[in-house]
Structures are given as structure tokens and as C-alpha cells.
């Protein structure tokens, strides 16, 4: 019985091995067949490696921010009655944006004005009394002490009037502060309150920015600050912008680094029409040096773990070539290629996963222009 079982096991093993061998052979044959099948390439499938000037300066990362911006805050403690502008509304200098309750402040102003009028009457009376006693003293009909007392009362009345007028001015300023107005031509970027809110002193009401004053505010690592100086050319890109790149110049370098990130703030003035939206992410590079190098876009690269490859087209075949990358140029987003391909080589513009190293290629004829 045991010999029979052993015979059956050997027979099954042999059948299994014979069944697997054709599959392996079929896979090898399929790969060999795919490698021998020519790949048809249209002109737009192939890109030529160009040599371009790579800016080798420090990289800046940050955002677009307006140079003119104002955080309008409450300067009196009262209730918000009306908010006349909303986010995105265009405003002119002096336009009323927020109106707050001024009832108590108007009462304070009326009281201060009445106190000022009383102080004026008291001063007028003290002044007449002082002059009368001075005249009588000249005639020998009044003592020196009486004149000095009248002069003291006159001086005190003058002080009281000055204090009363100061209270009037303060009350009028408080009344003006119940109406929040635009400090310059711009756009409301962030509304913080609504009618009925209680506004304590210092509470943020809304923000106004001038979109025409946009600039690039970026950060640079402290190790590369020594390479920066005012006036240097900067190429940068803005997320969501229609244009591929923008140009600016280093305007200001902060004298101290951030306590947390240990990065230094750099302000860049911009040239041309940049997006008028504050806070858009931007990345740029300062042109402190430059060299002509081969460059490739990200779409032409294939990444496998820590290795990067490009598919070069040469001598009628595809060649999977390992490439060594340098920095990414912030102006155009291209990668610097240090080794693997050179300027003038042809590579696949957007390789897929079904390619085989050594596969022959055929060039499709370019479409005739109509």
C-alpha cells in the first residue's frame, strides 16, 4: 500500500512540473516577443534633452503677500451695529466699513462740551475779577493779597478750561472711532465680525489689502544667507498662476533668523502682473551663479525606489538609462541631469510601464500641415 501511495505522489509531482514548465516558457517567450516588437513613436512622443542655464543660488519658499495691508481693530468697547462690506468687496480710501453703537460716547461728548462751556464762563468771570482788583489796587483801594488770590483763581480757571477742552477732543475721537473706514484703496480680504457682536478694544474687525502691491515673501536656510544681497535677480513660480515663471529682485533680508525654524525671511519685489491673491504658495531661486546643464521634466523620468531612469532613443532602439539628478530649477521646474543623458539626446517624453530595454522603435511620419 505504501509503495502505491509513493507511486501516486511521484506521478502527481511529475504532472505538476510538466504543467508549470510551459507557463514559464510561455512567459519568457512573451517577453522575448515583446522585446522584438517595434515600438511606434510619433514626433510628439520624443523630447530632445536641452542644455539650459541653471540658476545655482539659494532656494526661497514662501507666498505672495501684499505690501499694503491693514488689520482694522476696534478702538472702543461697544456693540457692532452694521458691517457694510464683505470679503472681496473693493473699497476706496475713506469708505465706511463698520458702524458701531455710539450712544454712550455721544452722551460723554455732550457732557464734556457742557463742562467746557462752564469752564469758559468761570474763566471769563475770574479774568474780570482779576482786572477789577488790579485797577483798585492801583488806586490804593485793594490789598495785594486780594489781587494775588484773584490771579490764582484766574490761573485755576484757565487750567480747568484746558482740561475740559481736552476731554471734548477725546470724546470726539472716541465718536470717530465708532466708524471704521478704509485706510487706502483696496479689497476686504477677511471679515471677522457681524452686526450684534460685542467689540472689545483690540478685537479684529476686518482686513483690507491692496492687491496691486503684491510681493514675494520667502524663507531661506541660514546656511545660504551669505550668498544673498539686495538687488539680486530672483526667478519664482506661483501655484495656480497662468504664467510658468515670474521675475523679481531681492529687496530686503531680515537681520535675524526665526527662533523656531532657524530660517531667514527674504522680501522680493516683483515685476509684471502677478496673481492678485494673497497667500498663494510661491517657490523661487536667487540667481547668484549659473551653468549650462542638461535638464529634463519630471514626466520624462521613471523612479524605482531610490533609482531614477530615463528611456533614451538611440540607434533605432530604446535604452533604459540610469540618470543622476541635481537640483530642480525653480524657474521652470526642470531637473538638472548630472549623468546618464547629455544635451542633444532623445528621450521618451512620457514613458509608460510596458517598455522593454533594447526594444526596437519605428518613427511615425509627422502629420502634414494643412
Protein backbone atom coordinates (compact mmCIF):
# COMPACT_ATOMS: atom_id res chain seq x y z
CA UNK A 1 0.00 0.00 0.00
CA UNK A 2 2.81 2.42 0.88
CA UNK A 3 4.52 1.70 -2.46
CA UNK A 4 1.28 2.55 -4.25
CA UNK A 5 0.93 5.86 -2.40
CA UNK A 6 4.53 6.77 -3.18
CA UNK A 7 3.96 5.95 -6.85
CA UNK A 8 0.90 8.23 -6.94
CA UNK A 9 2.83 11.12 -5.28
CA UNK A 10 5.66 10.85 -7.77
CA UNK A 11 3.20 10.78 -10.64
CA UNK A 12 1.42 13.92 -9.38
CA UNK A 13 4.72 15.78 -8.88
CA UNK A 14 5.76 14.94 -12.40
CA UNK A 15 2.46 16.16 -13.77
CA UNK A 16 2.76 19.41 -11.83
CA UNK A 17 6.28 20.12 -13.06
CA UNK A 18 5.29 19.35 -16.61
CA UNK A 19 2.33 21.76 -16.27
CA UNK A 20 4.45 24.60 -14.87
CA UNK A 21 7.23 24.41 -17.39
CA UNK A 22 5.09 25.54 -20.32
CA UNK A 23 3.89 28.56 -18.29
CA UNK A 24 7.44 29.69 -17.59
CA UNK A 25 8.40 29.09 -21.15
CA UNK A 26 5.33 31.00 -22.32
CA UNK A 27 6.23 33.99 -20.12
CA UNK A 28 9.79 34.01 -21.42
CA UNK A 29 8.52 33.69 -24.97
CA UNK A 30 6.06 36.57 -24.38
CA UNK A 31 8.81 38.81 -23.03
CA UNK A 32 11.08 37.89 -25.91
CA UNK A 33 8.28 38.55 -28.36
CA UNK A 34 7.51 41.94 -26.77
CA UNK A 35 11.17 42.90 -26.96
CA UNK A 36 11.22 42.07 -30.66
CA UNK A 37 8.02 44.01 -31.41
CA UNK A 38 8.95 47.50 -32.70
CA UNK A 39 7.50 50.46 -30.78
CA UNK A 40 5.89 53.07 -33.00
CA UNK A 41 6.84 56.59 -31.88
CA UNK A 42 5.20 59.79 -33.05
CA UNK A 43 7.26 63.00 -33.09
CA UNK A 44 5.41 64.28 -30.03
CA UNK A 45 6.40 61.14 -28.06
CA UNK A 46 10.07 62.08 -28.15
CA UNK A 47 11.76 65.02 -26.41
CA UNK A 48 15.24 66.32 -27.03
CA UNK A 49 17.40 66.96 -23.99
CA UNK A 50 18.22 70.65 -23.98
CA UNK A 51 21.06 72.48 -22.36
CA UNK A 52 19.89 75.47 -20.34
CA UNK A 53 21.30 77.93 -17.83
CA UNK A 54 20.66 76.61 -14.35
CA UNK A 55 20.48 79.22 -11.60
CA UNK A 56 22.55 77.87 -8.74
CA UNK A 57 21.52 80.27 -5.98
CA UNK A 58 19.58 79.71 -2.75
CA UNK A 59 16.00 78.45 -2.97
CA UNK A 60 13.22 80.57 -1.45
CA UNK A 61 9.86 79.17 -0.34
CA UNK A 62 7.01 81.34 0.82
CA UNK A 63 3.93 83.08 -0.50
CA UNK A 64 2.63 86.20 -2.18
CA UNK A 65 1.74 88.89 0.35
CA UNK A 66 0.55 92.49 -0.14
CA UNK A 67 2.92 95.25 0.88
CA UNK A 68 -0.04 97.42 1.92
CA UNK A 69 -2.31 95.63 4.37
CA UNK A 70 -4.22 96.76 7.41
CA UNK A 71 -5.75 94.80 10.27
CA UNK A 72 -8.59 97.05 11.39
CA UNK A 73 -9.38 96.57 15.09
CA UNK A 74 -11.92 98.03 17.49
CA UNK A 75 -10.67 101.09 19.38
CA UNK A 76 -13.75 101.39 21.61
CA UNK A 77 -15.72 98.84 23.60
CA UNK A 78 -19.21 98.80 22.18
CA UNK A 79 -21.63 96.82 20.01
CA UNK A 80 -21.32 96.40 16.23
CA UNK A 81 -24.40 97.88 14.56
CA UNK A 82 -23.62 97.36 10.88
CA UNK A 83 -20.95 95.82 8.63
CA UNK A 84 -21.17 97.50 5.24
CA UNK A 85 -18.55 95.49 3.32
CA UNK A 86 -17.93 91.77 2.85
CA UNK A 87 -14.98 89.65 1.72
CA UNK A 88 -13.84 90.53 -1.77
CA UNK A 89 -15.53 93.94 -1.88
CA UNK A 90 -13.49 96.72 -3.46
CA UNK A 91 -13.20 99.80 -1.23
CA UNK A 92 -11.89 103.33 -1.62
CA UNK A 93 -9.93 105.29 0.93
CA UNK A 94 -12.36 106.74 3.50
CA UNK A 95 -15.25 104.37 2.72
CA UNK A 96 -17.28 103.42 5.80
CA UNK A 97 -16.78 99.72 6.55
CA UNK A 98 -18.15 99.13 10.06
CA UNK A 99 -20.51 101.25 12.17
CA UNK A 100 -20.67 100.70 15.95
CA UNK A 101 -23.05 101.88 18.68
CA UNK A 102 -22.13 105.45 19.72
CA UNK A 103 -24.94 106.24 22.18
CA UNK A 104 -22.86 106.37 25.36
CA UNK A 105 -20.00 108.12 23.60
CA UNK A 106 -22.32 110.86 22.31
CA UNK A 107 -23.57 111.37 25.86
CA UNK A 108 -19.98 111.65 27.05
CA UNK A 109 -19.26 114.19 24.32
CA UNK A 110 -22.30 116.30 25.27
CA UNK A 111 -21.22 116.24 28.91
CA UNK A 112 -17.66 117.24 28.03
CA UNK A 113 -18.85 120.10 25.81
CA UNK A 114 -21.11 121.41 28.58
CA UNK A 115 -18.23 121.23 31.08
CA UNK A 116 -16.06 123.16 28.64
CA UNK A 117 -18.66 125.90 28.31
CA UNK A 118 -18.92 126.16 32.10
CA UNK A 119 -15.16 126.41 32.35
CA UNK A 120 -15.14 129.21 29.78
CA UNK A 121 -17.71 131.16 31.81
CA UNK A 122 -15.73 130.60 35.00
CA UNK A 123 -12.55 131.80 33.33
CA UNK A 124 -14.28 134.89 31.96
CA UNK A 125 -15.60 135.76 35.41
CA UNK A 126 -12.20 135.15 37.05
CA UNK A 127 -10.50 137.28 34.42
CA UNK A 128 -12.85 140.22 35.03
CA UNK A 129 -12.44 139.93 38.77
CA UNK A 130 -8.66 139.91 38.48
CA UNK A 131 -8.64 143.00 36.25
CA UNK A 132 -11.04 144.86 38.57
CA UNK A 133 -8.92 144.18 41.65
CA UNK A 134 -5.78 145.16 39.78
CA UNK A 135 -7.38 148.55 38.92
CA UNK A 136 -8.49 149.08 42.51
CA UNK A 137 -5.01 148.24 43.77
CA UNK A 138 -3.59 150.96 41.56
CA UNK A 139 -5.98 153.38 43.26
CA UNK A 140 -5.00 152.10 46.70
CA UNK A 141 -8.42 150.57 47.29
CA UNK A 142 -7.43 146.90 47.22
CA UNK A 143 -4.78 144.88 49.00
CA UNK A 144 -2.01 142.95 47.30
CA UNK A 145 -3.31 139.70 48.83
CA UNK A 146 -6.69 140.16 47.18
CA UNK A 147 -5.06 140.66 43.79
CA UNK A 148 -2.89 137.55 44.23
CA UNK A 149 -5.93 135.47 45.24
CA UNK A 150 -7.82 136.67 42.16
CA UNK A 151 -4.85 135.84 39.97
CA UNK A 152 -4.69 132.30 41.42
CA UNK A 153 -8.41 131.79 40.72
CA UNK A 154 -7.90 133.08 37.17
CA UNK A 155 -5.00 130.64 36.60
CA UNK A 156 -7.01 127.73 38.02
CA UNK A 157 -9.90 128.56 35.71
CA UNK A 158 -7.52 128.55 32.74
CA UNK A 159 -6.32 125.07 33.75
CA UNK A 160 -9.88 123.83 34.18
CA UNK A 161 -10.81 125.11 30.73
CA UNK A 162 -7.80 123.41 29.12
CA UNK A 163 -8.71 120.11 30.79
CA UNK A 164 -12.34 120.44 29.71
CA UNK A 165 -11.34 121.09 26.10
CA UNK A 166 -9.04 118.05 26.17
CA UNK A 167 -11.97 115.90 27.31
CA UNK A 168 -14.04 117.26 24.43
CA UNK A 169 -11.30 116.32 21.95
CA UNK A 170 -11.01 112.82 23.46
CA UNK A 171 -14.77 112.31 23.30
CA UNK A 172 -14.85 113.41 19.66
CA UNK A 173 -12.03 110.99 18.83
CA UNK A 174 -13.93 108.18 20.53
CA UNK A 175 -17.00 109.09 18.49
CA UNK A 176 -14.98 108.97 15.27
CA UNK A 177 -13.68 105.54 16.25
CA UNK A 178 -17.19 104.12 16.17
CA UNK A 179 -16.98 104.44 12.38
CA UNK A 180 -14.27 102.23 10.88
CA UNK A 181 -13.16 103.47 7.46
CA UNK A 182 -10.85 102.13 4.75
CA UNK A 183 -7.29 103.44 5.19
CA UNK A 184 -6.47 103.13 1.48
CA UNK A 185 -7.86 101.85 -1.83
CA UNK A 186 -8.04 98.06 -1.73
CA UNK A 187 -10.11 94.95 -1.12
CA UNK A 188 -11.66 93.50 2.03
CA UNK A 189 -9.81 90.19 2.50
CA UNK A 190 -11.11 88.89 5.82
CA UNK A 191 -14.32 89.91 7.62
CA UNK A 192 -14.29 88.96 11.30
CA UNK A 193 -17.50 90.43 12.79
CA UNK A 194 -21.22 90.74 12.13
CA UNK A 195 -23.95 93.04 13.36
CA UNK A 196 -24.70 92.41 17.03
CA UNK A 197 -21.19 91.31 18.00
CA UNK A 198 -19.62 92.89 21.07
CA UNK A 199 -16.35 94.55 20.13
CA UNK A 200 -13.79 94.87 22.88
CA UNK A 201 -10.81 97.15 22.42
CA UNK A 202 -8.31 95.36 20.18
CA UNK A 203 -10.81 92.94 18.63
CA UNK A 204 -10.09 92.35 14.95
CA UNK A 205 -12.93 93.58 12.74
CA UNK A 206 -11.70 93.01 9.18
CA UNK A 207 -8.61 93.13 6.97
CA UNK A 208 -8.02 95.35 3.97
CA UNK A 209 -5.26 94.67 1.44
CA UNK A 210 -4.02 96.39 -1.70
CA UNK A 211 -3.79 93.65 -4.38
CA UNK A 212 -1.66 95.91 -6.58
CA UNK A 213 1.16 95.84 -4.03
CA UNK A 214 1.89 92.09 -4.06
CA UNK A 215 5.40 90.89 -3.31
CA UNK A 216 7.09 87.53 -2.71
CA UNK A 217 7.89 86.90 0.95
CA UNK A 218 10.05 83.79 1.29
CA UNK A 219 12.32 81.95 3.68
CA UNK A 220 15.87 80.74 3.08
CA UNK A 221 18.04 78.41 5.15
CA UNK A 222 20.52 80.20 7.35
CA UNK A 223 23.41 78.31 5.73
CA UNK A 224 22.87 80.15 2.44
CA UNK A 225 22.13 83.65 3.70
CA UNK A 226 25.72 84.70 2.97
CA UNK A 227 25.01 84.26 -0.77
CA UNK A 228 22.21 86.84 -0.72
CA UNK A 229 22.40 90.55 -1.27
CA UNK A 230 19.93 93.26 -2.20
CA UNK A 231 19.22 93.64 -5.91
CA UNK A 232 19.86 90.02 -6.94
CA UNK A 233 17.61 88.57 -9.63
CA UNK A 234 15.02 86.02 -8.48
CA UNK A 235 13.04 83.62 -10.67
CA UNK A 236 9.97 82.16 -8.98
CA UNK A 237 6.78 80.25 -9.67
CA UNK A 238 3.35 80.75 -8.11
CA UNK A 239 0.91 77.91 -7.50
CA UNK A 240 -2.21 78.30 -9.60
CA UNK A 241 -0.80 81.06 -11.81
CA UNK A 242 -1.32 81.04 -15.56
CA UNK A 243 2.27 82.03 -16.25
CA UNK A 244 5.06 79.50 -15.77
CA UNK A 245 7.50 81.86 -14.07
CA UNK A 246 7.88 85.37 -12.67
CA UNK A 247 10.84 87.63 -12.07
CA UNK A 248 11.76 89.83 -9.12
CA UNK A 249 14.69 91.25 -7.16
CA UNK A 250 15.81 90.80 -3.58
CA UNK A 251 14.52 93.85 -1.71
CA UNK A 252 15.19 93.12 1.96
CA UNK A 253 16.93 90.43 4.01
CA UNK A 254 15.87 90.07 7.64
CA UNK A 255 18.68 90.73 10.13
CA UNK A 256 17.67 87.79 12.36
CA UNK A 257 16.52 84.20 11.91
CA UNK A 258 13.23 82.74 13.12
CA UNK A 259 13.52 81.33 16.65
CA UNK A 260 11.75 78.07 15.70
CA UNK A 261 12.65 77.27 12.07
CA UNK A 262 16.04 79.00 12.07
CA UNK A 263 15.27 80.36 8.62
CA UNK A 264 15.72 83.93 7.45
CA UNK A 265 12.93 85.97 5.89
CA UNK A 266 13.61 87.50 2.45
CA UNK A 267 11.37 90.03 0.73
CA UNK A 268 11.35 90.08 -3.08
CA UNK A 269 9.86 92.86 -5.19
CA UNK A 270 8.08 91.51 -8.27
CA UNK A 271 7.94 92.69 -11.85
CA UNK A 272 4.96 92.35 -14.15
CA UNK A 273 1.44 91.22 -13.39
CA UNK A 274 1.41 88.60 -10.61
CA UNK A 275 -1.80 86.98 -9.29
CA UNK A 276 -3.62 89.41 -7.02
CA UNK A 277 -4.46 86.79 -4.42
CA UNK A 278 -2.66 86.96 -1.08
CA UNK A 279 -1.27 83.77 0.41
CA UNK A 280 -0.60 81.82 -2.82
CA UNK A 281 2.34 79.43 -2.40
CA UNK A 282 5.46 80.52 -4.25
CA UNK A 283 8.87 78.97 -4.78
CA UNK A 284 11.85 80.72 -6.28
CA UNK A 285 15.58 80.72 -6.72
CA UNK A 286 18.06 83.54 -6.41
CA UNK A 287 20.42 83.84 -9.37
CA UNK A 288 23.77 84.06 -7.61
CA UNK A 289 25.55 81.75 -10.10
CA UNK A 290 24.74 79.82 -13.24
CA UNK A 291 25.93 76.98 -15.51
CA UNK A 292 24.74 75.37 -18.75
CA UNK A 293 23.50 71.85 -17.94
CA UNK A 294 21.19 69.19 -19.37
CA UNK A 295 17.64 69.32 -17.99
CA UNK A 296 14.61 67.02 -18.08
CA UNK A 297 10.99 67.43 -16.93
CA UNK A 298 9.56 65.17 -14.23
CA UNK A 299 7.29 63.45 -16.79
CA UNK A 300 10.32 62.07 -18.66
CA UNK A 301 11.72 60.35 -15.57
CA UNK A 302 10.90 56.91 -14.18
CA UNK A 303 11.50 56.37 -10.48
CA UNK A 304 12.08 52.93 -8.98
CA UNK A 305 12.83 53.24 -5.29
CA UNK A 306 15.96 55.35 -4.89
CA UNK A 307 16.89 55.00 -8.57
CA UNK A 308 15.87 57.28 -11.43
CA UNK A 309 15.83 56.27 -15.10
CA UNK A 310 15.19 57.82 -18.49
CA UNK A 311 14.31 55.99 -21.70
CA UNK A 312 16.77 57.12 -24.36
CA UNK A 313 16.06 56.57 -28.04
CA UNK A 314 19.25 55.82 -29.96
CA UNK A 315 20.25 53.63 -32.94
CA UNK A 316 16.67 52.55 -33.50
CA UNK A 317 16.22 51.10 -30.00
CA UNK A 318 15.04 52.00 -26.51
CA UNK A 319 17.66 52.14 -23.78
CA UNK A 320 16.81 52.30 -20.08
CA UNK A 321 19.45 54.62 -18.71
CA UNK A 322 20.11 55.38 -15.05
CA UNK A 323 20.43 59.12 -14.51
CA UNK A 324 21.90 61.18 -11.69
CA UNK A 325 19.82 64.24 -10.83
CA UNK A 326 20.90 67.55 -9.40
CA UNK A 327 18.70 70.35 -8.09
CA UNK A 328 15.32 71.25 -9.50
CA UNK A 329 15.32 74.62 -11.24
CA UNK A 330 12.72 76.80 -9.57
CA UNK A 331 12.21 78.86 -12.74
CA UNK A 332 10.87 76.10 -14.98
CA UNK A 333 10.50 73.05 -12.75
CA UNK A 334 13.07 71.02 -14.76
CA UNK A 335 15.54 68.64 -13.11
CA UNK A 336 19.25 69.10 -13.66
CA UNK A 337 20.78 65.88 -15.08
CA UNK A 338 24.37 65.35 -13.91
CA UNK A 339 24.93 61.97 -15.59
CA UNK A 340 23.14 59.43 -17.79
CA UNK A 341 21.99 61.61 -20.68
CA UNK A 342 23.51 64.64 -22.32
CA UNK A 343 22.28 67.64 -24.24
CA UNK A 344 21.11 66.56 -27.68
CA UNK A 345 19.98 63.07 -26.64
CA UNK A 346 16.43 61.99 -27.39
CA UNK A 347 14.27 60.51 -24.62
CA UNK A 348 10.65 59.47 -24.31
CA UNK A 349 8.56 62.43 -23.25
CA UNK A 350 6.21 60.36 -21.02
CA UNK A 351 7.29 56.70 -20.70
CA UNK A 352 4.84 54.02 -19.53
CA UNK A 353 5.34 50.77 -17.62
CA UNK A 354 5.19 48.39 -20.57
CA UNK A 355 8.55 49.29 -22.12
CA UNK A 356 11.42 46.82 -22.59
CA UNK A 357 15.09 47.71 -22.56
CA UNK A 358 16.52 47.20 -26.06
CA UNK A 359 13.11 47.23 -27.76
CA UNK A 360 13.31 48.43 -31.37
CA UNK A 361 11.49 51.60 -32.35
CA UNK A 362 9.96 52.92 -35.53
CA UNK A 363 9.35 56.60 -36.24
CA UNK A 364 5.90 57.62 -37.45
CA UNK A 365 5.84 60.22 -40.16
CA UNK A 366 4.96 63.74 -38.99
CA UNK A 367 1.46 64.91 -39.91
CA UNK A 368 1.38 67.17 -42.90
CA UNK A 369 0.37 70.76 -42.11
CA UNK A 370 -2.93 71.75 -43.71
